[in-house]
Amino acid sequence: MKLDYWLDPVCPWCWMTSRWIVAVAPHRDLEIRWRSISLKMKNAEILDHPYEGLYDSSHRLLRVLEAVRAGEGDSVIGGLYTEYGKRIHVDQDLEFNPAEALGAVGLDRRYSDAADEESWDDTIAVDMAEGLELTGQDVGTPLIAFDDVERNRVGIFGPVISRSLDHETGLRLWDSVYGAAGIPGFWELKRTRTESAEEGFRPPE
């Protein structure tokens, strides 16, 4: 099954959910395509957003990601995102040089030039518009999309995960999400988050 996953590198919820879907994928025959959604673009109308600086830095990483996709194809994007995530969410470093992340996964460091190239913004905008067309606008990140049992393409926000899940729990969550998302007329389950993501970038106070 082809599964689309829309990410912004700085989002801790994207990171936690991505580690879950990576673990689940080989056991549910999922082929993941990593897509771009920019929280900078998504929140552009909010003046003086408290995370504006973080979103700017993360948006630059998305430009690099899309330049890599154009040059190398989809197959290397998951590895690059994982490298981004380790640096941002594990090492708590959002100031790293994108060239170093590229080099760490065997990609041409010159792709880092794309970080300052606004021409990639149209590509990011088109990618995120496709995800938001499936989910609606009143969502955050991450977004995922897949074909339900009737082979209709469905998109959802989430699932939002704050902790690493063991193997059986992770599979149970996927089976539940897949089943619920394919039910016509089903829209939402939600409860207030009472803890931060287990791994996630936290701005210095």
Protein backbone atom coordinates (compact mmCIF):
# COMPACT_ATOMS: atom_id res chain seq x y z
CA MET A 1 0.00 0.00 0.00
CA LYS A 2 1.28 3.45 -0.91
CA LEU A 3 1.20 5.84 2.04
CA ASP A 4 1.89 9.57 1.74
CA TYR A 5 3.36 11.28 4.81
CA TRP A 6 3.51 15.08 4.98
CA LEU A 7 6.18 16.44 7.29
CA ASP A 8 7.78 19.60 8.55
CA PRO A 9 11.23 18.75 9.95
CA VAL A 10 10.91 20.84 13.12
CA CYS A 11 7.57 19.40 14.23
CA PRO A 12 8.08 16.98 17.17
CA TRP A 13 4.74 15.30 16.52
CA CYS A 14 5.77 14.64 12.91
CA TRP A 15 8.97 13.10 14.19
CA MET A 16 7.31 10.81 16.74
CA THR A 17 4.63 9.65 14.32
CA SER A 18 7.19 9.10 11.57
CA ARG A 19 9.19 6.73 13.77
CA TRP A 20 5.99 4.79 14.41
CA ILE A 21 5.07 4.52 10.71
CA VAL A 22 8.64 3.51 9.77
CA ALA A 23 8.44 0.67 12.30
CA VAL A 24 5.00 -0.42 11.11
CA ALA A 25 5.66 -0.18 7.37
CA PRO A 26 7.41 -3.54 6.73
CA HIS A 27 4.78 -5.42 8.74
CA ARG A 28 1.81 -3.90 6.90
CA ASP A 29 3.40 -3.70 3.45
CA LEU A 30 3.44 0.10 3.40
CA GLU A 31 5.46 2.04 0.83
CA ILE A 32 6.03 5.49 2.33
CA ARG A 33 6.39 8.59 0.20
CA TRP A 34 7.65 11.52 2.26
CA ARG A 35 6.00 14.81 1.31
CA SER A 36 6.52 18.45 2.30
CA ILE A 37 4.22 20.62 4.38
CA SER A 38 5.61 23.94 5.60
CA LEU A 39 4.45 25.24 8.97
CA LYS A 40 5.92 28.59 7.88
CA MET A 41 3.49 28.67 4.95
CA LYS A 42 0.62 27.14 6.92
CA ASN A 43 0.85 29.83 9.62
CA ALA A 44 1.80 32.73 7.36
CA GLU A 45 -1.28 34.76 8.30
CA ILE A 46 -0.51 34.64 12.03
CA LEU A 47 1.44 37.78 12.89
CA ASP A 48 4.34 37.43 15.34
CA HIS A 49 3.93 33.68 15.65
CA PRO A 50 6.03 32.49 18.63
CA TYR A 51 7.71 29.81 16.51
CA GLU A 52 8.31 32.00 13.46
CA GLY A 53 12.09 31.66 13.66
CA LEU A 54 11.90 27.87 14.03
CA TYR A 55 9.53 27.63 11.09
CA ASP A 56 11.87 29.74 8.94
CA SER A 57 14.80 27.41 9.66
CA SER A 58 12.72 24.32 9.02
CA HIS A 59 11.35 25.74 5.77
CA ARG A 60 14.91 26.09 4.49
CA LEU A 61 15.42 22.39 5.17
CA LEU A 62 12.31 21.59 3.13
CA ARG A 63 13.77 23.50 0.19
CA VAL A 64 16.86 21.29 0.39
CA LEU A 65 14.69 18.19 0.65
CA GLU A 66 12.79 19.13 -2.51
CA ALA A 67 15.99 19.88 -4.39
CA VAL A 68 17.24 16.43 -3.43
CA ARG A 69 13.96 14.85 -4.57
CA ALA A 70 14.25 16.58 -7.95
CA GLY A 71 17.81 15.36 -8.39
CA GLU A 72 17.75 11.91 -6.79
CA GLY A 73 14.12 10.77 -6.60
CA ASP A 74 11.84 9.83 -3.72
CA SER A 75 13.84 6.86 -2.47
CA VAL A 76 16.45 8.94 -0.58
CA ILE A 77 14.04 11.33 1.14
CA GLY A 78 13.27 9.09 4.10
CA GLY A 79 16.94 8.78 4.96
CA LEU A 80 17.47 12.54 4.73
CA TYR A 81 14.44 13.25 6.91
CA THR A 82 15.72 10.75 9.48
CA GLU A 83 19.07 12.55 9.52
CA TYR A 84 17.30 15.89 9.95
CA GLY A 85 15.24 14.44 12.77
CA LYS A 86 18.17 12.99 14.66
CA ARG A 87 19.90 16.36 14.63
CA ILE A 88 16.81 18.40 15.50
CA HIS A 89 14.87 16.19 17.89
CA VAL A 90 17.54 13.98 19.43
CA ASP A 91 20.54 16.34 19.45
CA GLN A 92 18.37 19.46 19.96
CA ASP A 93 20.22 21.29 17.19
CA LEU A 94 18.35 23.34 14.61
CA GLU A 95 21.40 25.36 13.63
CA PHE A 96 23.23 22.54 11.85
CA ASN A 97 24.57 23.04 8.36
CA PRO A 98 22.32 21.21 5.87
CA ALA A 99 25.45 20.25 3.93
CA GLU A 100 26.58 18.14 6.88
CA ALA A 101 23.27 16.26 6.98
CA LEU A 102 23.49 15.65 3.25
CA GLY A 103 27.03 14.33 3.54
CA ALA A 104 26.05 12.05 6.43
CA VAL A 105 23.58 10.17 4.19
CA GLY A 106 25.81 10.10 1.13
CA LEU A 107 24.17 12.92 -0.84
CA ASP A 108 25.89 15.77 -2.67
CA ARG A 109 26.51 18.56 -0.18
CA ARG A 110 25.86 21.13 -2.89
CA TYR A 111 22.12 20.50 -2.56
CA SER A 112 22.37 22.66 0.57
CA ASP A 113 22.47 25.72 -1.72
CA ALA A 114 18.71 25.22 -2.19
CA ALA A 115 18.09 26.40 1.40
CA ASP A 116 18.24 30.00 0.17
CA GLU A 117 16.47 29.45 -3.16
CA GLU A 118 12.89 30.70 -3.04
CA SER A 119 12.17 28.94 -6.33
CA TRP A 120 11.54 25.74 -4.35
CA ASP A 121 8.65 27.33 -2.46
CA ASP A 122 6.20 26.68 -5.29
CA THR A 123 7.08 22.98 -5.19
CA ILE A 124 6.50 22.88 -1.42
CA ALA A 125 3.20 24.76 -1.80
CA VAL A 126 1.89 22.33 -4.41
CA ASP A 127 2.88 19.33 -2.28
CA MET A 128 1.19 20.62 0.85
CA ALA A 129 -1.92 21.68 -1.06
CA GLU A 130 -2.42 18.07 -2.13
CA GLY A 131 -2.39 16.91 1.48
CA LEU A 132 -4.69 19.69 2.69
CA GLU A 133 -7.12 18.93 -0.13
CA LEU A 134 -7.58 15.50 1.44
CA THR A 135 -7.75 16.59 5.09
CA GLY A 136 -9.14 20.11 5.05
CA GLN A 137 -7.39 23.22 6.37
CA ASP A 138 -8.16 22.95 10.10
CA VAL A 139 -5.30 20.54 10.81
CA GLY A 140 -1.68 20.59 11.92
CA THR A 141 1.09 18.13 11.21
CA PRO A 142 1.67 15.32 10.44
CA LEU A 143 -0.75 14.34 7.68
CA ILE A 144 -0.99 10.86 6.19
CA ALA A 145 -2.97 9.50 3.24
CA PHE A 146 -3.66 6.01 1.93
CA ASP A 147 -6.32 3.99 0.10
CA ASP A 148 -9.08 2.57 2.31
CA VAL A 149 -10.67 -0.87 1.87
CA GLU A 150 -12.86 0.54 -0.91
CA ARG A 151 -9.74 1.94 -2.60
CA ASN A 152 -10.77 5.52 -1.93
CA ARG A 153 -7.91 7.87 -1.09
CA VAL A 154 -8.33 9.20 2.43
CA GLY A 155 -6.21 11.68 4.33
CA ILE A 156 -6.05 12.37 8.05
CA PHE A 157 -4.23 14.57 10.54
CA GLY A 158 -2.18 12.41 12.90
CA PRO A 159 -2.15 10.14 14.68
CA VAL A 160 -0.48 12.34 17.28
CA ILE A 161 1.89 10.24 19.40
CA SER A 162 3.93 11.43 22.36
CA ARG A 163 5.75 8.18 23.19
CA SER A 164 7.66 5.42 21.41
CA LEU A 165 5.42 2.38 20.95
CA ASP A 166 6.37 -1.26 21.28
CA HIS A 167 5.92 -3.50 18.26
CA GLU A 168 2.49 -4.92 19.03
CA THR A 169 1.07 -1.59 20.20
CA GLY A 170 2.33 0.11 17.06
CA LEU A 171 0.67 -2.45 14.81
CA ARG A 172 -2.56 -2.22 16.80
CA LEU A 173 -2.57 1.55 16.38
CA TRP A 174 -2.07 1.28 12.61
CA ASP A 175 -4.89 -1.26 12.26
CA SER A 176 -7.18 1.01 14.27
CA VAL A 177 -6.27 4.15 12.33
CA TYR A 178 -6.63 2.38 9.00
CA GLY A 179 -10.00 0.96 9.92
CA ALA A 180 -11.44 4.18 11.32
CA ALA A 181 -10.21 6.41 8.49
CA GLY A 182 -12.06 4.35 5.91
CA ILE A 183 -15.49 4.65 7.54
CA PRO A 184 -17.73 7.16 5.69
CA GLY A 185 -19.00 9.84 8.05
CA PHE A 186 -16.31 9.29 10.67
CA TRP A 187 -14.33 12.48 11.29
CA GLU A 188 -12.67 12.93 14.59
CA LEU A 189 -11.33 11.51 17.84
CA LYS A 190 -9.49 13.95 20.09
CA ARG A 191 -8.36 14.49 23.67
CA THR A 192 -6.20 17.15 25.28
CA ARG A 193 -2.48 16.38 25.23
CA THR A 194 -1.07 16.26 28.75
CA GLU A 195 2.57 15.55 27.89
CA SER A 196 5.17 16.72 25.40
CA ALA A 197 6.60 14.53 22.66
CA GLU A 198 9.14 12.11 24.08
CA GLU A 199 11.65 13.30 21.48
CA GLY A 200 11.24 16.79 20.15
CA PHE A 201 13.02 20.08 19.62
CA ARG A 202 12.43 22.42 22.55
CA PRO A 203 13.48 26.06 22.13
CA PRO A 204 15.79 27.31 24.89
CA GLU A 205 13.96 29.33 27.53
